[in-house]
């Protein structure tokens, strides 16, 4: 039985996101990647990591949609479809 952990360390989260550990720490420090501290360990909830990945996927979809219509006004580009 291969159960996923509920929380990940920053290095584990970095491997999942396929970014450097230093970038993952920077993302946690700025709040881009929600994290919390237990004593000296900085941890990321699995649900937070999944939400971050989903938001990045949505951002890419939105950017591609906006590129498909270069004549859209700024307010049209900012609206959700």
PDB file of N, CA and C in Angstrom:
ATOM      1  N   UNK A   1       0.847  -1.173   0.000  1.00  0.00           N
ATOM      2  CA  UNK A   1       0.000   0.000   0.000  1.00  0.00           C
ATOM      3  C   UNK A   1       0.896   1.241   0.000  1.00  0.00           C
ATOM      4  N   UNK A   2       0.734   2.092  -0.999  1.00  0.00           N
ATOM      5  CA  UNK A   2       1.602   3.253  -1.171  1.00  0.00           C
ATOM      6  C   UNK A   2       0.841   4.525  -0.799  1.00  0.00           C
ATOM      7  N   UNK A   3       0.848   4.869   0.483  1.00  0.00           N
ATOM      8  CA  UNK A   3       0.141   6.062   0.942  1.00  0.00           C
ATOM      9  C   UNK A   3       1.019   7.285   0.798  1.00  0.00           C
ATOM     10  N   UNK A   4       0.410   8.386   0.366  1.00  0.00           N
ATOM     11  CA  UNK A   4       1.140   9.644   0.254  1.00  0.00           C
ATOM     12  C   UNK A   4       1.158  10.331   1.607  1.00  0.00           C
ATOM     13  N   UNK A   5       2.257  11.006   1.928  1.00  0.00           N
ATOM     14  CA  UNK A   5       2.310  11.730   3.199  1.00  0.00           C
ATOM     15  C   UNK A   5       1.359  12.923   3.195  1.00  0.00           C
ATOM     16  N   UNK A   6       0.948  13.330   4.370  1.00  0.00           N
ATOM     17  CA  UNK A   6       0.061  14.487   4.517  1.00  0.00           C
ATOM     18  C   UNK A   6       0.850  15.781   4.378  1.00  0.00           C
ATOM     19  N   UNK A   7       2.113  15.753   4.799  1.00  0.00           N
ATOM     20  CA  UNK A   7       2.982  16.931   4.690  1.00  0.00           C
ATOM     21  C   UNK A   7       4.305  16.528   4.038  1.00  0.00           C
ATOM     22  N   UNK A   8       4.924  17.521   3.419  1.00  0.00           N
ATOM     23  CA  UNK A   8       6.226  17.324   2.780  1.00  0.00           C
ATOM     24  C   UNK A   8       7.212  18.334   3.333  1.00  0.00           C
ATOM     25  N   UNK A   9       8.469  17.947   3.375  1.00  0.00           N
ATOM     26  CA  UNK A   9       9.519  18.913   3.681  1.00  0.00           C
ATOM     27  C   UNK A   9       9.731  19.766   2.430  1.00  0.00           C
ATOM     28  N   UNK A  10      10.446  20.854   2.568  1.00  0.00           N
ATOM     29  CA  UNK A  10      10.718  21.708   1.411  1.00  0.00           C
ATOM     30  C   UNK A  10      11.506  20.952   0.332  1.00  0.00           C
ATOM     31  N   UNK A  11      12.538  20.191   0.682  1.00  0.00           N
ATOM     32  CA  UNK A  11      13.228  19.432  -0.369  1.00  0.00           C
ATOM     33  C   UNK A  11      12.309  18.434  -1.092  1.00  0.00           C
ATOM     34  N   UNK A  12      11.395  17.799  -0.350  1.00  0.00           N
ATOM     35  CA  UNK A  12      10.445  16.878  -0.986  1.00  0.00           C
ATOM     36  C   UNK A  12       9.497  17.636  -1.907  1.00  0.00           C
ATOM     37  N   UNK A  13       9.000  18.776  -1.444  1.00  0.00           N
ATOM     38  CA  UNK A  13       8.111  19.595  -2.275  1.00  0.00           C
ATOM     39  C   UNK A  13       8.843  20.073  -3.523  1.00  0.00           C
ATOM     40  N   UNK A  14      10.110  20.432  -3.371  1.00  0.00           N
ATOM     41  CA  UNK A  14      10.911  20.875  -4.517  1.00  0.00           C
ATOM     42  C   UNK A  14      11.023  19.764  -5.554  1.00  0.00           C
ATOM     43  N   UNK A  15      11.245  18.534  -5.106  1.00  0.00           N
ATOM     44  CA  UNK A  15      11.335  17.410  -6.042  1.00  0.00           C
ATOM     45  C   UNK A  15      10.013  17.206  -6.776  1.00  0.00           C
ATOM     46  N   UNK A  16       8.904  17.325  -6.057  1.00  0.00           N
ATOM     47  CA  UNK A  16       7.592  17.153  -6.682  1.00  0.00           C
ATOM     48  C   UNK A  16       7.355  18.238  -7.730  1.00  0.00           C
ATOM     49  N   UNK A  17       7.719  19.475  -7.396  1.00  0.00           N
ATOM     50  CA  UNK A  17       7.535  20.598  -8.318  1.00  0.00           C
ATOM     51  C   UNK A  17       8.615  20.655  -9.395  1.00  0.00           C
ATOM     52  N   UNK A  18       9.669  19.877  -9.205  1.00  0.00           N
ATOM     53  CA  UNK A  18      10.815  19.866 -10.129  1.00  0.00           C
ATOM     54  C   UNK A  18      11.478  21.235 -10.220  1.00  0.00           C
ATOM     55  N   UNK A  19      11.686  21.810  -9.030  1.00  0.00           N
ATOM     56  CA  UNK A  19      12.423  23.072  -8.913  1.00  0.00           C
ATOM     57  C   UNK A  19      13.554  22.848  -7.915  1.00  0.00           C
ATOM     58  N   UNK A  20      14.469  23.789  -7.857  1.00  0.00           N
ATOM     59  CA  UNK A  20      15.571  23.659  -6.902  1.00  0.00           C
ATOM     60  C   UNK A  20      15.054  23.835  -5.474  1.00  0.00           C
ATOM     61  N   UNK A  21      15.786  23.289  -4.545  1.00  0.00           N
ATOM     62  CA  UNK A  21      15.430  23.434  -3.137  1.00  0.00           C
ATOM     63  C   UNK A  21      15.456  24.897  -2.726  1.00  0.00           C
ATOM     64  N   UNK A  22      16.438  25.645  -3.218  1.00  0.00           N
ATOM     65  CA  UNK A  22      16.515  27.068  -2.849  1.00  0.00           C
ATOM     66  C   UNK A  22      15.315  27.841  -3.384  1.00  0.00           C
ATOM     67  N   UNK A  23      14.845  27.498  -4.579  1.00  0.00           N
ATOM     68  CA  UNK A  23      13.646  28.163  -5.107  1.00  0.00           C
ATOM     69  C   UNK A  23      12.426  27.796  -4.267  1.00  0.00           C
ATOM     70  N   UNK A  24      12.310  26.543  -3.870  1.00  0.00           N
ATOM     71  CA  UNK A  24      11.179  26.123  -3.035  1.00  0.00           C
ATOM     72  C   UNK A  24      11.196  26.849  -1.691  1.00  0.00           C
ATOM     73  N   UNK A  25      12.387  27.015  -1.099  1.00  0.00           N
ATOM     74  CA  UNK A  25      12.480  27.782   0.148  1.00  0.00           C
ATOM     75  C   UNK A  25      12.066  29.236  -0.084  1.00  0.00           C
ATOM     76  N   UNK A  26      12.476  29.815  -1.197  1.00  0.00           N
ATOM     77  CA  UNK A  26      12.105  31.199  -1.506  1.00  0.00           C
ATOM     78  C   UNK A  26      10.596  31.321  -1.703  1.00  0.00           C
ATOM     79  N   UNK A  27       9.989  30.349  -2.368  1.00  0.00           N
ATOM     80  CA  UNK A  27       8.540  30.357  -2.573  1.00  0.00           C
ATOM     81  C   UNK A  27       7.814  30.265  -1.236  1.00  0.00           C
ATOM     82  N   UNK A  28       8.325  29.458  -0.331  1.00  0.00           N
ATOM     83  CA  UNK A  28       7.725  29.334   1.000  1.00  0.00           C
ATOM     84  C   UNK A  28       7.902  30.627   1.790  1.00  0.00           C
ATOM     85  N   UNK A  29       9.073  31.226   1.684  1.00  0.00           N
ATOM     86  CA  UNK A  29       9.360  32.458   2.426  1.00  0.00           C
ATOM     87  C   UNK A  29       8.445  33.605   1.987  1.00  0.00           C
ATOM     88  N   UNK A  30       8.160  33.696   0.684  1.00  0.00           N
ATOM     89  CA  UNK A  30       7.313  34.779   0.175  1.00  0.00           C
ATOM     90  C   UNK A  30       5.825  34.475   0.296  1.00  0.00           C
ATOM     91  N   UNK A  31       5.491  33.233   0.644  1.00  0.00           N
ATOM     92  CA  UNK A  31       4.086  32.865   0.765  1.00  0.00           C
ATOM     93  C   UNK A  31       3.489  32.330  -0.522  1.00  0.00           C
ATOM     94  N   UNK A  32       4.277  32.289  -1.586  1.00  0.00           N
ATOM     95  CA  UNK A  32       3.779  31.737  -2.849  1.00  0.00           C
ATOM     96  C   UNK A  32       3.405  30.268  -2.672  1.00  0.00           C
ATOM     97  N   UNK A  33       4.193  29.578  -1.865  1.00  0.00           N
ATOM     98  CA  UNK A  33       3.919  28.190  -1.515  1.00  0.00           C
ATOM     99  C   UNK A  33       3.616  28.161  -0.022  1.00  0.00           C
ATOM    100  N   UNK A  34       2.348  27.993   0.352  1.00  0.00           N
ATOM    101  CA  UNK A  34       1.993  28.021   1.777  1.00  0.00           C
ATOM    102  C   UNK A  34       2.732  26.930   2.555  1.00  0.00           C
ATOM    103  N   UNK A  35       3.277  27.323   3.687  1.00  0.00           N
ATOM    104  CA  UNK A  35       4.041  26.386   4.505  1.00  0.00           C
ATOM    105  C   UNK A  35       3.873  26.749   5.973  1.00  0.00           C
ATOM    106  N   UNK A  36       4.331  25.858   6.825  1.00  0.00           N
ATOM    107  CA  UNK A  36       4.303  26.129   8.262  1.00  0.00           C
ATOM    108  C   UNK A  36       5.517  25.468   8.898  1.00  0.00           C
ATOM    109  N   UNK A  37       5.847  25.927  10.072  1.00  0.00           N
ATOM    110  CA  UNK A  37       7.044  25.455  10.757  1.00  0.00           C
ATOM    111  C   UNK A  37       6.647  24.582  11.954  1.00  0.00           C
ATOM    112  N   UNK A  38       7.321  23.459  12.081  1.00  0.00           N
ATOM    113  CA  UNK A  38       7.238  22.613  13.269  1.00  0.00           C
ATOM    114  C   UNK A  38       8.661  22.531  13.802  1.00  0.00           C
ATOM    115  N   UNK A  39       8.867  23.241  14.903  1.00  0.00           N
ATOM    116  CA  UNK A  39      10.212  23.438  15.454  1.00  0.00           C
ATOM    117  C   UNK A  39      11.100  24.020  14.374  1.00  0.00           C
ATOM    118  N   UNK A  40      12.113  23.304  13.941  1.00  0.00           N
ATOM    119  CA  UNK A  40      13.021  23.878  12.942  1.00  0.00           C
ATOM    120  C   UNK A  40      12.680  23.449  11.515  1.00  0.00           C
ATOM    121  N   UNK A  41      11.666  22.603  11.353  1.00  0.00           N
ATOM    122  CA  UNK A  41      11.329  22.085  10.023  1.00  0.00           C
ATOM    123  C   UNK A  41      10.234  22.903   9.369  1.00  0.00           C
ATOM    124  N   UNK A  42      10.459  23.260   8.132  1.00  0.00           N
ATOM    125  CA  UNK A  42       9.464  23.959   7.327  1.00  0.00           C
ATOM    126  C   UNK A  42       8.732  22.901   6.514  1.00  0.00           C
ATOM    127  N   UNK A  43       7.399  22.858   6.645  1.00  0.00           N
ATOM    128  CA  UNK A  43       6.603  21.815   6.008  1.00  0.00           C
ATOM    129  C   UNK A  43       5.533  22.410   5.103  1.00  0.00           C
ATOM    130  N   UNK A  44       5.136  21.616   4.111  1.00  0.00           N
ATOM    131  CA  UNK A  44       4.092  22.011   3.166  1.00  0.00           C
ATOM    132  C   UNK A  44       3.034  20.919   3.181  1.00  0.00           C
ATOM    133  N   UNK A  45       1.791  21.310   3.383  1.00  0.00           N
ATOM    134  CA  UNK A  45       0.702  20.327   3.337  1.00  0.00           C
ATOM    135  C   UNK A  45       0.538  19.816   1.907  1.00  0.00           C
ATOM    136  N   UNK A  46       0.195  18.551   1.781  1.00  0.00           N
ATOM    137  CA  UNK A  46      -0.061  17.983   0.456  1.00  0.00           C
ATOM    138  C   UNK A  46      -1.167  18.762  -0.247  1.00  0.00           C
ATOM    139  N   UNK A  47      -2.211  19.123   0.494  1.00  0.00           N
ATOM    140  CA  UNK A  47      -3.322  19.869  -0.110  1.00  0.00           C
ATOM    141  C   UNK A  47      -2.868  21.240  -0.612  1.00  0.00           C
ATOM    142  N   UNK A  48      -1.942  21.881   0.104  1.00  0.00           N
ATOM    143  CA  UNK A  48      -1.413  23.176  -0.341  1.00  0.00           C
ATOM    144  C   UNK A  48      -0.582  23.016  -1.604  1.00  0.00           C
ATOM    145  N   UNK A  49       0.186  21.957  -1.665  1.00  0.00           N
ATOM    146  CA  UNK A  49       1.011  21.684  -2.838  1.00  0.00           C
ATOM    147  C   UNK A  49       0.126  21.399  -4.055  1.00  0.00           C
ATOM    148  N   UNK A  50      -0.916  20.602  -3.852  1.00  0.00           N
ATOM    149  CA  UNK A  50      -1.847  20.301  -4.940  1.00  0.00           C
ATOM    150  C   UNK A  50      -2.573  21.561  -5.400  1.00  0.00           C
ATOM    151  N   UNK A  51      -2.976  22.413  -4.451  1.00  0.00           N
ATOM    152  CA  UNK A  51      -3.654  23.666  -4.800  1.00  0.00           C
ATOM    153  C   UNK A  51      -2.718  24.590  -5.573  1.00  0.00           C
ATOM    154  N   UNK A  52      -1.453  24.646  -5.168  1.00  0.00           N
ATOM    155  CA  UNK A  52      -0.477  25.473  -5.877  1.00  0.00           C
ATOM    156  C   UNK A  52      -0.327  24.990  -7.317  1.00  0.00           C
ATOM    157  N   UNK A  53      -0.189  23.684  -7.497  1.00  0.00           N
ATOM    158  CA  UNK A  53      -0.024  23.147  -8.850  1.00  0.00           C
ATOM    159  C   UNK A  53      -1.266  23.415  -9.698  1.00  0.00           C
ATOM    160  N   UNK A  54      -2.450  23.273  -9.108  1.00  0.00           N
ATOM    161  CA  UNK A  54      -3.682  23.551  -9.847  1.00  0.00           C
ATOM    162  C   UNK A  54      -3.769  25.022 -10.237  1.00  0.00           C
ATOM    163  N   UNK A  55      -3.358  25.914  -9.339  1.00  0.00           N
ATOM    164  CA  UNK A  55      -3.416  27.346  -9.650  1.00  0.00           C
ATOM    165  C   UNK A  55      -2.434  27.696 -10.762  1.00  0.00           C
ATOM    166  N   UNK A  56      -1.273  27.054 -10.773  1.00  0.00           N
ATOM    167  CA  UNK A  56      -0.300  27.306 -11.834  1.00  0.00           C
ATOM    168  C   UNK A  56      -0.804  26.783 -13.173  1.00  0.00           C
ATOM    169  N   UNK A  57      -1.476  25.641 -13.136  1.00  0.00           N
ATOM    170  CA  UNK A  57      -2.060  25.086 -14.356  1.00  0.00           C
ATOM    171  C   UNK A  57      -3.142  26.019 -14.894  1.00  0.00           C
ATOM    172  N   UNK A  58      -3.978  26.547 -13.995  1.00  0.00           N
ATOM    173  CA  UNK A  58      -5.034  27.474 -14.406  1.00  0.00           C
ATOM    174  C   UNK A  58      -4.433  28.757 -14.969  1.00  0.00           C
ATOM    175  N   UNK A  59      -3.375  29.242 -14.351  1.00  0.00           N
ATOM    176  CA  UNK A  59      -2.704  30.448 -14.833  1.00  0.00           C
ATOM    177  C   UNK A  59      -2.195  30.243 -16.253  1.00  0.00           C
ATOM    178  N   UNK A  60      -1.584  29.097 -16.514  1.00  0.00           N
ATOM    179  CA  UNK A  60      -1.085  28.808 -17.861  1.00  0.00           C
ATOM    180  C   UNK A  60      -2.229  28.743 -18.865  1.00  0.00           C
ATOM    181  N   UNK A  61      -3.346  28.129 -18.469  1.00  0.00           N
ATOM    182  CA  UNK A  61      -4.516  28.058 -19.341  1.00  0.00           C
ATOM    183  C   UNK A  61      -5.036  29.454 -19.638  1.00  0.00           C
ATOM    184  N   UNK A  62      -5.120  30.296 -18.607  1.00  0.00           N
ATOM    185  CA  UNK A  62      -5.587  31.670 -18.792  1.00  0.00           C
ATOM    186  C   UNK A  62      -4.659  32.448 -19.715  1.00  0.00           C
ATOM    187  N   UNK A  63      -3.368  32.280 -19.543  1.00  0.00           N
ATOM    188  CA  UNK A  63      -2.402  32.978 -20.397  1.00  0.00           C
ATOM    189  C   UNK A  63      -2.531  32.529 -21.842  1.00  0.00           C
ATOM    190  N   UNK A  64      -2.717  31.239 -22.063  1.00  0.00           N
ATOM    191  CA  UNK A  64      -2.874  30.730 -23.425  1.00  0.00           C
ATOM    192  C   UNK A  64      -4.160  31.247 -24.046  1.00  0.00           C
ATOM    193  N   UNK A  65      -5.231  31.339 -23.266  1.00  0.00           N
ATOM    194  CA  UNK A  65      -6.500  31.859 -23.762  1.00  0.00           C
ATOM    195  C   UNK A  65      -6.351  33.318 -24.162  1.00  0.00           C
ATOM    196  N   UNK A  66      -5.656  34.097 -23.345  1.00  0.00           N
ATOM    197  CA  UNK A  66      -5.464  35.514 -23.650  1.00  0.00           C
ATOM    198  C   UNK A  66      -4.590  35.702 -24.876  1.00  0.00           C
ATOM    199  N   UNK A  67      -3.622  34.836 -25.075  1.00  0.00           N
ATOM    200  CA  UNK A  67      -2.766  34.936 -26.261  1.00  0.00           C
ATOM    201  C   UNK A  67      -3.550  34.598 -27.520  1.00  0.00           C
ATOM    202  N   UNK A  68      -4.585  33.764 -27.367  1.00  0.00           N
ATOM    203  CA  UNK A  68      -5.383  33.384 -28.525  1.00  0.00           C
ATOM    204  C   UNK A  68      -6.174  34.563 -29.066  1.00  0.00           C
ATOM    205  N   UNK A  69      -6.428  35.574 -28.243  1.00  0.00           N
ATOM    206  CA  UNK A  69      -7.168  36.754 -28.674  1.00  0.00           C
ATOM    207  C   UNK A  69      -6.355  38.000 -28.336  1.00  0.00           C
ATOM    208  N   UNK A  70      -5.371  38.335 -29.162  1.00  0.00           N
ATOM    209  CA  UNK A  70      -4.518  39.483 -28.844  1.00  0.00           C
ATOM    210  C   UNK A  70      -5.245  40.818 -28.921  1.00  0.00           C
ATOM    211  N   UNK A  71      -6.451  40.843 -29.501  1.00  0.00           N
ATOM    212  CA  UNK A  71      -7.201  42.087 -29.637  1.00  0.00           C
ATOM    213  C   UNK A  71      -8.172  42.324 -28.487  1.00  0.00           C
ATOM    214  N   UNK A  72      -8.198  41.409 -27.525  1.00  0.00           N
ATOM    215  CA  UNK A  72      -9.076  41.580 -26.368  1.00  0.00           C
ATOM    216  C   UNK A  72      -8.596  42.764 -25.543  1.00  0.00           C
ATOM    217  N   UNK A  73      -9.548  43.489 -24.988  1.00  0.00           N
ATOM    218  CA  UNK A  73      -9.183  44.599 -24.115  1.00  0.00           C
ATOM    219  C   UNK A  73      -8.646  44.030 -22.813  1.00  0.00           C
ATOM    220  N   UNK A  74      -7.989  44.868 -22.046  1.00  0.00           N
ATOM    221  CA  UNK A  74      -7.426  44.400 -20.774  1.00  0.00           C
ATOM    222  C   UNK A  74      -8.531  43.865 -19.868  1.00  0.00           C
ATOM    223  N   UNK A  75      -9.670  44.549 -19.801  1.00  0.00           N
ATOM    224  CA  UNK A  75     -10.760  44.082 -18.934  1.00  0.00           C
ATOM    225  C   UNK A  75     -11.307  42.745 -19.420  1.00  0.00           C
ATOM    226  N   UNK A  76     -11.340  42.527 -20.723  1.00  0.00           N
ATOM    227  CA  UNK A  76     -11.792  41.240 -21.242  1.00  0.00           C
ATOM    228  C   UNK A  76     -10.805  40.136 -20.883  1.00  0.00           C
ATOM    229  N   UNK A  77      -9.509  40.462 -20.926  1.00  0.00           N
ATOM    230  CA  UNK A  77      -8.501  39.457 -20.601  1.00  0.00           C
ATOM    231  C   UNK A  77      -8.540  39.094 -19.126  1.00  0.00           C
ATOM    232  N   UNK A  78      -8.948  40.034 -18.272  1.00  0.00           N
ATOM    233  CA  UNK A  78      -8.958  39.795 -16.834  1.00  0.00           C
ATOM    234  C   UNK A  78     -10.192  39.017 -16.388  1.00  0.00           C
ATOM    235  N   UNK A  79     -11.231  38.960 -17.224  1.00  0.00           N
ATOM    236  CA  UNK A  79     -12.459  38.262 -16.852  1.00  0.00           C
ATOM    237  C   UNK A  79     -12.258  36.763 -16.971  1.00  0.00           C
ATOM    238  N   UNK A  80     -12.909  36.031 -16.072  1.00  0.00           N
ATOM    239  CA  UNK A  80     -12.889  34.573 -16.139  1.00  0.00           C
ATOM    240  C   UNK A  80     -13.902  34.140 -17.192  1.00  0.00           C
ATOM    241  N   UNK A  81     -13.570  33.122 -17.996  1.00  0.00           N
ATOM    242  CA  UNK A  81     -14.514  32.647 -19.029  1.00  0.00           C
ATOM    243  C   UNK A  81     -15.717  31.976 -18.425  1.00  0.00           C
TER     244      UNK A  81
END
